[in-house]
């Protein structure tokens, strides 16, 4: 049995210079559907053709290509973080909360690869 229980969603977070232009590219080239642009948060999200898998576009002035972060959905981020920390898993700073939207926490595997947990705060959790 695993230490924490993930839900059936994954978001693949990518760094981009222009979220709106990138979203249009993913729509036109790969047939993905833009779900929303959260301009205040610098974030856009697209539905891929795979159920439960979305692409998140984080806007950065100097994006780092190849710096992809899988984001795993979870029902109770605080409890999961506590369990992982007790198992000596390293986290990158505090948990980030965007009220009414999402709670996230970045952590690392033993090789230093970044992974993230995300708890849906919209009330529409799947």
Protein backbone atom coordinates (compact mmCIF):
# COMPACT_ATOMS: atom_id res chain seq x y z
CA UNK A 1 0.00 0.00 0.00
CA UNK A 2 1.31 3.47 -0.85
CA UNK A 3 2.00 6.14 1.74
CA UNK A 4 -0.53 8.57 0.19
CA UNK A 5 -3.56 8.12 -2.07
CA UNK A 6 -3.61 10.12 -5.33
CA UNK A 7 -6.78 10.73 -7.30
CA UNK A 8 -7.28 9.97 -11.01
CA UNK A 9 -5.96 13.27 -12.38
CA UNK A 10 -2.56 14.48 -13.51
CA UNK A 11 -1.54 17.90 -14.78
CA UNK A 12 1.67 18.29 -16.74
CA UNK A 13 2.95 21.79 -15.94
CA UNK A 14 5.05 23.57 -18.55
CA UNK A 15 6.86 26.92 -18.47
CA UNK A 16 5.95 29.24 -21.37
CA UNK A 17 6.50 32.90 -22.35
CA UNK A 18 2.93 33.60 -23.51
CA UNK A 19 0.16 31.35 -22.13
CA UNK A 20 -2.47 32.54 -24.56
CA UNK A 21 -0.27 31.97 -27.63
CA UNK A 22 0.83 28.58 -26.29
CA UNK A 23 -2.77 27.55 -25.58
CA UNK A 24 -3.70 28.45 -29.16
CA UNK A 25 -0.76 26.36 -30.41
CA UNK A 26 -1.82 23.31 -28.35
CA UNK A 27 -5.40 23.72 -29.60
CA UNK A 28 -4.39 24.05 -33.26
CA UNK A 29 -1.60 21.50 -33.34
CA UNK A 30 -2.82 18.80 -30.94
CA UNK A 31 -6.56 19.41 -30.66
CA UNK A 32 -6.51 20.21 -26.92
CA UNK A 33 -9.26 22.37 -25.44
CA UNK A 34 -8.48 25.45 -23.34
CA UNK A 35 -10.32 25.07 -20.05
CA UNK A 36 -9.44 28.51 -18.65
CA UNK A 37 -6.91 31.32 -18.38
CA UNK A 38 -6.26 32.48 -14.79
CA UNK A 39 -4.55 35.73 -15.70
CA UNK A 40 -4.08 36.88 -12.10
CA UNK A 41 -2.25 33.64 -11.32
CA UNK A 42 -0.24 33.51 -14.58
CA UNK A 43 -1.74 30.10 -15.35
CA UNK A 44 -3.72 28.48 -18.17
CA UNK A 45 -5.02 24.96 -18.36
CA UNK A 46 -5.92 22.72 -21.29
CA UNK A 47 -7.70 19.37 -21.49
CA UNK A 48 -5.72 16.78 -23.41
CA UNK A 49 -7.35 13.95 -25.34
CA UNK A 50 -6.67 11.64 -22.37
CA UNK A 51 -9.24 11.55 -19.57
CA UNK A 52 -7.87 12.97 -16.32
CA UNK A 53 -4.76 14.47 -17.96
CA UNK A 54 -4.44 18.24 -18.42
CA UNK A 55 -1.61 20.54 -19.50
CA UNK A 56 -0.89 23.56 -17.30
CA UNK A 57 0.90 26.55 -18.78
CA UNK A 58 2.79 28.69 -16.28
CA UNK A 59 3.90 32.04 -17.67
CA UNK A 60 7.54 32.98 -17.07
CA UNK A 61 9.65 35.75 -18.60
CA UNK A 62 12.46 33.23 -19.15
CA UNK A 63 10.89 29.77 -19.38
CA UNK A 64 13.15 26.78 -18.89
CA UNK A 65 12.34 24.24 -21.63
CA UNK A 66 12.47 20.65 -20.45
CA UNK A 67 11.53 21.65 -16.92
CA UNK A 68 8.31 19.65 -16.89
CA UNK A 69 6.60 19.05 -13.54
CA UNK A 70 3.94 16.33 -13.24
CA UNK A 71 1.18 17.58 -10.94
CA UNK A 72 -0.83 14.85 -9.19
CA UNK A 73 -4.34 15.56 -7.92
CA UNK A 74 -5.02 14.75 -4.29
CA UNK A 75 -8.03 15.14 -1.99
CA UNK A 76 -6.14 16.22 1.17
CA UNK A 77 -2.82 17.88 0.39
CA UNK A 78 -2.02 18.76 4.01
CA UNK A 79 -2.33 15.16 5.21
CA UNK A 80 -0.34 13.86 2.24
CA UNK A 81 2.41 16.41 2.78
CA UNK A 82 2.66 15.50 6.44
CA UNK A 83 2.95 11.79 5.60
CA UNK A 84 5.61 12.42 2.95
CA UNK A 85 7.60 14.76 5.19
CA UNK A 86 7.56 12.14 7.95
CA UNK A 87 9.06 9.77 5.36
CA UNK A 88 11.87 12.36 4.82
CA UNK A 89 10.62 13.50 1.39
CA UNK A 90 12.05 16.97 0.60
CA UNK A 91 9.60 19.77 -0.23
CA UNK A 92 10.36 23.06 -1.98
CA UNK A 93 9.15 25.66 0.50
CA UNK A 94 5.67 26.13 1.88
CA UNK A 95 2.38 24.99 0.39
CA UNK A 96 0.98 27.58 -2.06
CA UNK A 97 -2.71 28.42 -1.85
CA UNK A 98 -4.78 30.34 -4.39
CA UNK A 99 -8.07 30.71 -2.50
CA UNK A 100 -11.06 29.24 -4.30
CA UNK A 101 -8.79 27.64 -6.93
CA UNK A 102 -5.99 25.33 -5.84
CA UNK A 103 -3.49 24.37 -3.14
CA UNK A 104 -0.10 23.07 -4.36
CA UNK A 105 3.14 21.74 -2.92
CA UNK A 106 6.30 20.84 -4.84
CA UNK A 107 8.48 17.97 -3.68
CA UNK A 108 11.40 15.94 -5.06
CA UNK A 109 12.09 12.32 -5.85
CA UNK A 110 15.44 10.80 -4.76
CA UNK A 111 17.09 12.01 -8.00
CA UNK A 112 15.93 15.62 -7.56
CA UNK A 113 13.10 15.51 -10.11
CA UNK A 114 10.34 17.96 -9.16
CA UNK A 115 6.81 16.63 -8.64
CA UNK A 116 3.77 18.47 -7.35
CA UNK A 117 0.60 17.68 -5.43
CA UNK A 118 -2.51 19.76 -6.12
CA UNK A 119 -5.77 19.93 -4.20
CA UNK A 120 -8.76 21.37 -6.08
CA UNK A 121 -10.36 24.17 -4.03
CA UNK A 122 -13.05 25.11 -6.55
CA UNK A 123 -15.65 22.83 -5.02
CA UNK A 124 -15.79 20.91 -8.29
CA UNK A 125 -13.30 18.23 -7.23
CA UNK A 126 -13.72 15.04 -9.19
